[in-house]
Protein backbone atom coordinates (compact mmCIF):
# COMPACT_ATOMS: atom_id res chain seq x y z
CA UNK A 1 60.44 102.09 20.51
CA UNK A 2 57.06 102.47 22.14
CA UNK A 3 55.86 99.88 24.57
CA UNK A 4 53.08 98.89 22.15
CA UNK A 5 55.62 98.31 19.36
CA UNK A 6 57.82 96.30 21.71
CA UNK A 7 54.91 94.14 22.74
CA UNK A 8 53.97 93.49 19.09
CA UNK A 9 57.53 92.40 18.29
CA UNK A 10 57.50 89.96 21.22
CA UNK A 11 54.24 88.43 19.98
CA UNK A 12 55.67 88.01 16.46
CA UNK A 13 58.78 86.26 17.79
CA UNK A 14 56.68 83.91 19.88
CA UNK A 15 54.65 82.95 16.82
CA UNK A 16 57.80 82.23 14.83
CA UNK A 17 59.12 80.08 17.62
CA UNK A 18 55.89 78.09 17.83
CA UNK A 19 55.74 77.70 14.04
CA UNK A 20 59.28 76.34 13.75
CA UNK A 21 58.84 74.26 16.90
CA UNK A 22 55.75 72.67 15.38
CA UNK A 23 57.65 72.07 12.14
CA UNK A 24 60.49 70.33 13.99
CA UNK A 25 57.97 68.27 15.99
CA UNK A 26 56.20 67.26 12.77
CA UNK A 27 59.48 66.20 11.14
CA UNK A 28 60.47 64.20 14.21
CA UNK A 29 57.06 62.50 14.28
CA UNK A 30 57.37 61.66 10.59
CA UNK A 31 60.66 59.86 11.08
CA UNK A 32 59.31 58.13 14.16
CA UNK A 33 56.28 56.81 12.30
CA UNK A 34 57.84 55.94 8.97
CA UNK A 35 61.42 54.92 9.70
CA UNK A 36 62.07 51.13 9.27
CA UNK A 37 63.54 49.34 12.31
CA UNK A 38 66.30 46.76 11.83
CA UNK A 39 64.82 43.30 11.24
CA UNK A 40 65.72 40.27 13.35
CA UNK A 41 67.65 38.94 10.37
CA UNK A 42 69.80 42.09 10.34
CA UNK A 43 70.76 41.74 14.02
CA UNK A 44 73.82 39.59 14.58
CA UNK A 45 73.15 36.73 17.01
CA UNK A 46 76.14 35.32 18.79
CA UNK A 47 76.52 31.59 19.40
CA UNK A 48 78.61 31.26 22.56
CA UNK A 49 80.12 27.87 23.49
CA UNK A 50 78.17 26.26 26.34
CA UNK A 51 80.35 25.92 29.42
CA UNK A 52 77.92 23.68 31.33
CA UNK A 53 78.59 20.04 32.15
CA UNK A 54 76.27 17.69 30.25
CA UNK A 55 75.06 14.36 31.62
CA UNK A 56 73.22 11.82 29.48
CA UNK A 57 71.38 9.37 31.72
CA UNK A 58 73.96 10.15 34.38
CA UNK A 59 77.04 9.77 32.17
CA UNK A 60 79.25 12.79 31.49
CA UNK A 61 79.59 13.40 27.74
CA UNK A 62 81.48 16.19 25.98
CA UNK A 63 79.44 18.11 23.41
CA UNK A 64 80.20 21.06 21.18
CA UNK A 65 77.07 23.01 22.14
CA UNK A 66 76.21 26.71 22.04
CA UNK A 67 74.09 29.22 23.91
CA UNK A 68 72.04 31.35 21.52
CA UNK A 69 69.64 33.94 22.87
CA UNK A 70 69.74 32.36 26.33
CA UNK A 71 68.91 28.84 25.10
CA UNK A 72 71.16 25.80 24.65
CA UNK A 73 71.52 24.54 21.08
CA UNK A 74 73.01 21.10 20.36
CA UNK A 75 74.14 19.46 17.15
CA UNK A 76 71.25 17.36 15.85
CA UNK A 77 73.37 14.32 15.03
CA UNK A 78 75.12 14.44 18.40
CA UNK A 79 71.80 14.08 20.22
CA UNK A 80 70.69 11.29 17.87
CA UNK A 81 74.01 9.53 18.46
CA UNK A 82 73.94 9.59 22.27
CA UNK A 83 70.30 8.41 22.32
CA UNK A 84 70.80 5.65 19.75
CA UNK A 85 70.87 2.89 22.40
CA UNK A 86 67.82 4.14 24.29
CA UNK A 87 64.07 3.95 23.85
CA UNK A 88 64.18 7.57 22.58
CA UNK A 89 66.33 6.75 19.55
CA UNK A 90 65.64 8.67 16.34
CA UNK A 91 67.08 8.64 12.83
CA UNK A 92 68.40 11.66 10.91
CA UNK A 93 68.50 11.64 7.11
CA UNK A 94 69.66 14.47 4.86
CA UNK A 95 68.34 14.96 1.33
CA UNK A 96 70.73 17.31 -0.42
CA UNK A 97 68.64 17.57 -3.60
CA UNK A 98 65.57 18.71 -1.63
CA UNK A 99 67.53 20.56 1.06
CA UNK A 100 65.50 18.69 3.67
CA UNK A 101 66.09 16.97 7.01
CA UNK A 102 64.01 13.85 7.62
CA UNK A 103 63.63 12.81 11.27
CA UNK A 104 62.24 9.38 12.15
CA UNK A 105 61.20 8.68 15.74
CA UNK A 106 61.60 5.26 17.37
CA UNK A 107 64.22 4.37 14.76
CA UNK A 108 67.83 3.42 15.37
CA UNK A 109 70.25 6.18 14.38
CA UNK A 110 72.83 5.40 11.70
CA UNK A 111 76.17 7.08 12.53
CA UNK A 112 77.82 8.92 9.64
CA UNK A 113 81.08 9.83 11.36
CA UNK A 114 82.06 13.01 13.15
CA UNK A 115 79.49 12.72 15.92
CA UNK A 116 80.60 14.24 19.24
CA UNK A 117 83.57 15.92 17.58
CA UNK A 118 84.78 18.92 19.58
CA UNK A 119 87.55 21.46 19.36
CA UNK A 120 86.05 24.66 17.91
CA UNK A 121 86.88 27.68 20.07
CA UNK A 122 85.11 30.95 20.74
CA UNK A 123 81.84 32.58 19.78
CA UNK A 124 80.57 32.53 16.21
CA UNK A 125 77.74 34.15 14.29
CA UNK A 126 75.28 31.41 13.23
CA UNK A 127 72.92 31.43 10.27
CA UNK A 128 69.33 30.30 10.35
CA UNK A 129 68.79 26.73 9.10
CA UNK A 130 67.04 27.04 5.74
CA UNK A 131 66.27 23.34 5.30
CA UNK A 132 62.74 21.94 5.32
CA UNK A 133 62.30 19.62 8.29
CA UNK A 134 60.07 16.56 8.42
CA UNK A 135 59.17 14.37 11.40
CA UNK A 136 57.82 10.94 10.49
CA UNK A 137 56.83 12.29 7.08
CA UNK A 138 55.05 15.45 8.29
CA UNK A 139 56.52 18.93 7.82
CA UNK A 140 57.29 20.71 11.09
CA UNK A 141 58.49 24.16 12.15
CA UNK A 142 61.70 23.94 14.10
CA UNK A 143 64.06 26.86 14.61
CA UNK A 144 67.66 25.87 14.04
CA UNK A 145 71.02 27.36 13.20
CA UNK A 146 73.91 26.30 11.02
CA UNK A 147 77.24 26.49 12.78
CA UNK A 148 80.37 25.36 10.99
CA UNK A 149 78.35 23.32 8.53
CA UNK A 150 76.22 21.48 11.11
CA UNK A 151 72.61 21.97 12.16
CA UNK A 152 71.99 22.93 15.78
CA UNK A 153 68.59 22.92 17.45
CA UNK A 154 67.28 23.99 20.83
CA UNK A 155 67.75 21.09 23.24
CA UNK A 156 64.34 21.48 24.84
CA UNK A 157 62.66 21.50 21.42
CA UNK A 158 64.33 18.18 20.59
CA UNK A 159 63.26 16.83 23.99
CA UNK A 160 59.65 17.71 23.20
CA UNK A 161 59.84 16.09 19.76
CA UNK A 162 61.38 12.82 20.93
CA UNK A 163 60.02 12.62 24.47
CA UNK A 164 63.23 12.84 26.46
CA UNK A 165 63.64 15.09 29.49
CA UNK A 166 65.96 18.05 29.88
CA UNK A 167 66.82 19.26 33.39
CA UNK A 168 68.99 22.13 34.60
CA UNK A 169 70.96 21.94 37.85
CA UNK A 170 71.88 25.54 38.55
CA UNK A 171 74.03 24.79 41.60
CA UNK A 172 76.18 22.35 39.60
CA UNK A 173 75.81 24.24 36.28
CA UNK A 174 74.85 20.94 34.73
CA UNK A 175 72.47 20.06 31.89
CA UNK A 176 70.87 16.64 32.24
CA UNK A 177 69.46 14.72 29.28
CA UNK A 178 67.23 11.93 30.60
CA UNK A 179 65.95 9.31 28.16
CA UNK A 180 64.42 6.93 30.65
CA UNK A 181 61.49 7.09 32.98
CA UNK A 182 62.38 6.93 36.65
CA UNK A 183 63.10 3.36 37.71
CA UNK A 184 61.88 1.90 40.95
CA UNK A 185 64.43 -0.30 42.72
CA UNK A 186 63.61 -3.70 44.13
CA UNK A 187 65.82 -6.20 45.96
CA UNK A 188 64.98 -9.90 45.69
CA UNK A 189 66.45 -13.14 47.00
CA UNK A 190 64.22 -15.88 45.52
CA UNK A 191 63.12 -16.77 42.01
CA UNK A 192 59.45 -16.12 42.85
CA UNK A 193 60.31 -12.64 44.14
CA UNK A 194 62.27 -12.01 40.96
CA UNK A 195 59.38 -13.06 38.69
CA UNK A 196 56.97 -10.84 40.64
CA UNK A 197 59.33 -7.88 40.42
CA UNK A 198 59.77 -7.99 36.63
CA UNK A 199 58.14 -4.86 35.17
CA UNK A 200 58.95 -1.86 33.04
CA UNK A 201 60.95 0.99 34.60
CA UNK A 202 62.45 -1.26 37.26
CA UNK A 203 65.89 -2.07 38.64
CA UNK A 204 66.02 -5.53 40.19
CA UNK A 205 68.91 -6.21 42.57
CA UNK A 206 69.42 -9.94 43.05
CA UNK A 207 71.05 -11.26 46.19
CA UNK A 208 73.76 -13.88 45.82
CA UNK A 209 72.41 -17.38 45.34
CA UNK A 210 70.92 -19.79 42.80
CA UNK A 211 67.64 -18.95 41.06
CA UNK A 212 66.08 -22.12 39.62
CA UNK A 213 63.39 -21.44 36.98
CA UNK A 214 62.37 -25.10 36.62
CA UNK A 215 59.09 -24.51 38.48
CA UNK A 216 57.96 -22.14 35.69
CA UNK A 217 58.37 -24.61 32.83
CA UNK A 218 54.66 -25.43 32.62
CA UNK A 219 53.79 -21.73 32.33
CA UNK A 220 56.59 -21.06 29.86
CA UNK A 221 57.01 -24.08 27.54
CA UNK A 222 60.31 -22.80 26.10
CA UNK A 223 61.72 -21.52 29.37
CA UNK A 224 61.02 -18.45 31.50
CA UNK A 225 60.21 -15.53 29.18
CA UNK A 226 59.99 -11.78 29.79
CA UNK A 227 57.73 -10.22 27.14
CA UNK A 228 56.96 -6.59 26.25
CA UNK A 229 58.95 -4.93 29.03
CA UNK A 230 61.01 -1.74 28.67
CA UNK A 231 63.59 0.04 30.80
CA UNK A 232 64.40 -3.00 32.93
CA UNK A 233 67.73 -3.55 34.67
CA UNK A 234 68.66 -6.91 36.21
CA UNK A 235 71.70 -6.70 38.49
CA UNK A 236 73.26 -9.77 40.03
CA UNK A 237 75.70 -9.80 42.92
CA UNK A 238 79.34 -9.24 42.02
CA UNK A 239 81.85 -12.03 41.43
CA UNK A 240 79.35 -14.32 39.69
CA UNK A 241 77.50 -15.14 42.90
CA UNK A 242 74.04 -14.85 41.32
CA UNK A 243 73.23 -17.85 39.15
CA UNK A 244 70.23 -18.65 36.91
CA UNK A 245 69.60 -22.33 36.15
CA UNK A 246 66.97 -24.69 34.77
CA UNK A 247 67.25 -28.41 35.36
CA UNK A 248 65.33 -29.15 32.15
CA UNK A 249 67.90 -29.20 29.35
CA UNK A 250 65.20 -28.49 26.79
CA UNK A 251 64.25 -25.09 28.26
CA UNK A 252 66.04 -21.80 27.74
CA UNK A 253 67.34 -20.31 30.97
CA UNK A 254 65.75 -16.92 30.28
CA UNK A 255 64.29 -15.25 27.19
CA UNK A 256 63.41 -11.66 26.36
CA UNK A 257 60.80 -11.04 23.66
CA UNK A 258 59.62 -7.65 22.34
CA UNK A 259 61.61 -5.74 24.95
CA UNK A 260 63.51 -2.46 24.84
CA UNK A 261 66.18 -0.79 26.95
CA UNK A 262 67.20 -3.92 28.83
CA UNK A 263 70.36 -4.43 30.90
CA UNK A 264 71.41 -7.79 32.31
CA UNK A 265 74.53 -7.53 34.44
CA UNK A 266 76.65 -9.85 36.60
CA UNK A 267 74.62 -13.03 36.05
CA UNK A 268 76.00 -16.56 35.78
CA UNK A 269 73.63 -18.79 33.82
CA UNK A 270 73.41 -22.19 32.19
CA UNK A 271 72.51 -25.85 32.41
CA UNK A 272 74.82 -28.25 34.16
CA UNK A 273 77.83 -28.84 31.89
CA UNK A 274 77.50 -32.21 30.22
CA UNK A 275 78.03 -33.91 26.91
CA UNK A 276 75.62 -33.02 24.12
CA UNK A 277 72.23 -33.71 25.65
CA UNK A 278 70.82 -30.22 25.51
CA UNK A 279 68.49 -28.53 23.03
CA UNK A 280 67.96 -25.15 24.67
CA UNK A 281 69.94 -21.96 25.00
CA UNK A 282 71.01 -19.75 27.86
CA UNK A 283 70.01 -16.15 26.96
CA UNK A 284 67.53 -15.68 24.10
CA UNK A 285 66.58 -12.23 22.77
CA UNK A 286 63.91 -11.83 20.07
CA UNK A 287 62.66 -8.50 18.66
CA UNK A 288 64.52 -6.47 21.26
CA UNK A 289 66.21 -3.09 21.01
CA UNK A 290 68.77 -1.21 23.05
CA UNK A 291 69.84 -4.19 25.13
CA UNK A 292 73.06 -4.71 27.08
CA UNK A 293 74.48 -7.93 28.51
CA UNK A 294 77.41 -7.03 30.74
CA UNK A 295 79.80 -9.03 32.90
CA UNK A 296 77.91 -12.31 32.54
CA UNK A 297 79.12 -15.92 32.46
CA UNK A 298 77.07 -18.15 30.13
CA UNK A 299 77.87 -21.84 30.20
CA UNK A 300 76.66 -25.15 28.76
CA UNK A 301 75.53 -27.45 28.07
CA UNK A 302 73.33 -24.72 26.74
CA UNK A 303 73.05 -25.41 23.05
CA UNK A 304 73.55 -21.68 22.34
CA UNK A 305 75.16 -19.26 24.75
CA UNK A 306 73.37 -16.16 23.46
CA UNK A 307 70.82 -15.86 20.67
CA UNK A 308 69.96 -12.45 19.21
CA UNK A 309 67.17 -12.38 16.66
CA UNK A 310 65.37 -9.53 14.85
CA UNK A 311 66.96 -7.05 17.23
CA UNK A 312 68.80 -3.73 16.97
CA UNK A 313 71.38 -1.84 19.00
CA UNK A 314 72.60 -4.76 21.08
CA UNK A 315 75.79 -4.81 23.17
CA UNK A 316 77.44 -7.82 24.79
CA UNK A 317 80.46 -6.81 26.87
CA UNK A 318 82.85 -8.29 29.41
CA UNK A 319 81.07 -11.63 29.02
CA UNK A 320 82.34 -15.21 28.83
CA UNK A 321 80.57 -17.90 26.77
CA UNK A 322 81.84 -21.41 27.40
CA UNK A 323 81.06 -25.13 27.16
CA UNK A 324 78.12 -24.68 24.78
CA UNK A 325 77.29 -27.67 22.64
CA UNK A 326 75.96 -26.06 19.45
CA UNK A 327 76.92 -22.39 19.10
CA UNK A 328 78.41 -19.70 21.25
CA UNK A 329 76.49 -16.87 19.57
CA UNK A 330 73.62 -17.05 17.07
CA UNK A 331 72.69 -13.71 15.49
CA UNK A 332 69.98 -13.47 12.84
CA UNK A 333 68.16 -10.62 11.13
CA UNK A 334 69.70 -8.16 13.56
CA UNK A 335 71.71 -4.98 13.17
CA UNK A 336 74.20 -2.90 15.13
CA UNK A 337 75.29 -5.80 17.34
CA UNK A 338 78.53 -5.29 19.26
CA UNK A 339 80.61 -7.76 21.24
CA UNK A 340 83.24 -5.97 23.33
CA UNK A 341 85.89 -7.57 25.56
CA UNK A 342 84.15 -10.94 25.41
CA UNK A 343 85.65 -14.42 25.59
CA UNK A 344 84.32 -17.45 23.70
CA UNK A 345 86.33 -20.44 24.86
CA UNK A 346 86.20 -24.21 25.35
CA UNK A 347 82.91 -24.62 23.55
CA UNK A 348 82.15 -28.03 22.00
CA UNK A 349 80.39 -26.85 18.87
CA UNK A 350 78.51 -29.18 16.57
CA UNK A 351 77.72 -26.10 14.46
CA UNK A 352 79.47 -22.77 13.88
CA UNK A 353 80.73 -21.15 17.04
CA UNK A 354 79.56 -17.74 15.77
CA UNK A 355 76.72 -17.64 13.26
CA UNK A 356 75.38 -14.45 11.64
CA UNK A 357 72.58 -14.51 9.06
CA UNK A 358 70.37 -11.90 7.48
CA UNK A 359 67.53 -12.05 4.99
CA UNK A 360 67.81 -9.61 2.12
CA UNK A 361 64.54 -7.92 3.12
CA UNK A 362 66.05 -6.96 6.47
CA UNK A 363 69.11 -5.25 5.06
CA UNK A 364 72.76 -5.59 5.97
CA UNK A 365 73.42 -7.08 9.38
CA UNK A 366 76.41 -5.32 10.94
CA UNK A 367 78.12 -7.21 13.76
CA UNK A 368 81.32 -5.95 15.39
CA UNK A 369 83.73 -7.76 17.69
CA UNK A 370 86.20 -5.54 19.53
CA UNK A 371 88.98 -6.74 21.85
CA UNK A 372 87.47 -10.23 22.00
CA UNK A 373 89.16 -13.60 22.50
CA UNK A 374 87.95 -16.61 20.49
CA UNK A 375 90.20 -19.46 21.56
CA UNK A 376 90.53 -23.11 22.55
CA UNK A 377 87.17 -24.18 21.18
CA UNK A 378 87.17 -27.92 20.47
CA UNK A 379 85.39 -30.59 18.47
CA UNK A 380 84.44 -28.18 15.68
CA UNK A 381 82.46 -30.06 13.06
CA UNK A 382 81.31 -26.91 11.28
CA UNK A 383 83.08 -23.65 10.62
CA UNK A 384 84.33 -21.47 13.43
CA UNK A 385 82.66 -18.30 12.09
CA UNK A 386 79.92 -18.26 9.47
CA UNK A 387 77.90 -15.50 7.84
CA UNK A 388 75.00 -16.03 5.47
CA UNK A 389 73.18 -13.29 3.57
CA UNK A 390 73.82 -9.55 3.68
CA UNK A 391 76.17 -9.60 6.65
CA UNK A 392 79.13 -7.40 7.51
CA UNK A 393 81.44 -8.74 10.22
CA UNK A 394 84.17 -6.55 11.67
CA UNK A 395 86.83 -7.77 14.10
CA UNK A 396 88.97 -5.14 15.83
CA UNK A 397 91.96 -6.08 18.02
CA UNK A 398 90.73 -9.64 18.51
CA UNK A 399 92.58 -12.91 19.17
CA UNK A 400 91.45 -16.04 17.28
CA UNK A 401 93.68 -18.88 18.38
CA UNK A 402 94.03 -22.61 19.09
CA UNK A 403 90.59 -23.61 17.81
CA UNK A 404 90.57 -27.29 16.82
CA UNK A 405 88.38 -29.27 14.42
CA UNK A 406 86.70 -32.57 15.28
CA UNK A 407 88.48 -35.63 14.03
CA UNK A 408 87.36 -36.59 10.53
CA UNK A 409 85.87 -33.16 9.79
CA UNK A 410 87.23 -30.32 7.67
CA UNK A 411 85.44 -27.13 8.78
CA UNK A 412 86.26 -23.60 7.63
CA UNK A 413 87.78 -20.93 9.79
CA UNK A 414 85.51 -18.46 7.95
CA UNK A 415 82.47 -19.45 5.90
CA UNK A 416 81.34 -16.27 4.17
CA UNK A 417 78.56 -17.12 1.76
CA UNK A 418 77.92 -15.06 -1.33
CA UNK A 419 74.71 -15.50 -3.31
CA UNK A 420 73.88 -13.62 -6.51
CA UNK A 421 75.03 -10.02 -5.98
CA UNK A 422 74.79 -9.91 -2.18
CA UNK A 423 76.73 -11.73 0.43
CA UNK A 424 78.74 -11.72 3.58
CA UNK A 425 82.08 -10.12 4.34
CA UNK A 426 84.55 -10.10 7.19
CA UNK A 427 87.22 -7.47 7.87
CA UNK A 428 89.83 -8.06 10.56
CA UNK A 429 91.79 -5.10 11.88
CA UNK A 430 94.91 -5.60 14.04
CA UNK A 431 93.91 -9.14 14.95
CA UNK A 432 96.01 -12.17 15.87
CA UNK A 433 95.02 -15.43 14.13
CA UNK A 434 97.35 -18.21 15.27
CA UNK A 435 97.47 -21.90 16.08
CA UNK A 436 94.11 -22.85 14.60
CA UNK A 437 93.68 -26.42 13.32
CA UNK A 438 90.90 -26.34 10.73
CA UNK A 439 90.01 -27.87 7.40
CA UNK A 440 90.23 -24.68 5.32
CA UNK A 441 90.88 -21.01 5.92
CA UNK A 442 87.70 -19.80 4.21
CA UNK A 443 84.81 -20.68 1.94
CA UNK A 444 83.64 -18.53 -1.02
CA UNK A 445 84.73 -15.07 0.17
CA UNK A 446 88.18 -14.52 1.71
CA UNK A 447 88.37 -12.43 4.88
CA UNK A 448 90.24 -9.13 4.65
CA UNK A 449 93.21 -8.83 6.99
CA UNK A 450 94.43 -5.35 7.91
CA UNK A 451 97.60 -5.16 10.06
CA UNK A 452 96.98 -8.69 11.36
CA UNK A 453 99.31 -11.43 12.58
CA UNK A 454 98.35 -14.66 10.76
CA UNK A 455 100.70 -17.58 11.42
CA UNK A 456 101.06 -21.18 12.57
CA UNK A 457 97.56 -22.19 11.42
CA UNK A 458 97.00 -25.68 10.06
CA UNK A 459 94.53 -26.21 7.24
CA UNK A 460 94.25 -29.93 6.51
CA UNK A 461 91.93 -29.83 3.47
CA UNK A 462 93.01 -29.36 -0.11
CA UNK A 463 91.44 -26.71 -2.30
């Protein structure tokens, strides 16, 4: 073949190569431009159990939480449950018909059971939460996932919604949920220093000694009152060495009105014990939420040891109420009140030792006594325990013993009033009710005994 012919053939081959190369490039470009990438919904997202320690206001709590896409997701009801006794409480309501979640800020959470349950193992593929979500009546966008039938949301998103803080301690691999503002700490040793120190977001440490509020009676006609304060902790010295008194028997020792997130701990308080000459209480709480009274000793002749009115999420624990002349505990129009490991003893009651009442407009008042002792109360002219209105009383593992009526009186052990279609009830679980000398066992509605010991009681009246 001549050189010219050879050169022509080479040119032809080059053209073919370019033509097919361009064709392949065009095809590749077509698929690049018009192929459909996998959507986010088509990509499996793994929910991996969170291994981090979780602290809620400094307390270690076990959660079933998951890491999804690098973020921590917690069960919605678990967060509502652990914050229910704080100023960041919120309610969760589920509307199955509308497939909607209704969140209510600054509202006490109502437990439904199953909160803080754990036990599921291993990673799982979650599904996007399809429910409509409302916050205080307004629709919001909140990314969540359903895992094993429960809704999980990003912890930091919930913190933004309900104004609690989320902190990460990398060195300790710890997640911190903080509901309270930082508290300044103050130490006081006189009543005037105490009064000056009272403020929101404060811890007051009281030195041992007696704090007499009598000098403040002109300023506070019903007794020294703390009003509108939140996140306040009052800590007395251990062993009952910090005592609050008022020499005027017609003044409350201390009152809390319109307060939230209050803790009163290790305080002894009362008027000088004496026969019935007193018309004022010891601790009085009105329109308060998320309050705790712990390890206190409340004595008479305070007419009422502790009064709790129009309040929610209230805990009285490890506390003794004694020698009161009217009532040990007066609870009205309040809900989610718990007495735990308390003792009510040797009170000289001219009215019911424990009184719970609730107006129908307020709703059911739920009051629970757990591991409490109600014993050796004397001179009972009225019933030992009364409930009026929509009230639900629950006694768990309690002892009710050796309570004695006043001579010539026939009070009830339980007075559970029932009006129209609403009324009070009392359920006692695993309780011991022995040695009580009363007029009658109950009035109107009988208490319900579950696994209780009921024996050696004397009821002198005739039905």
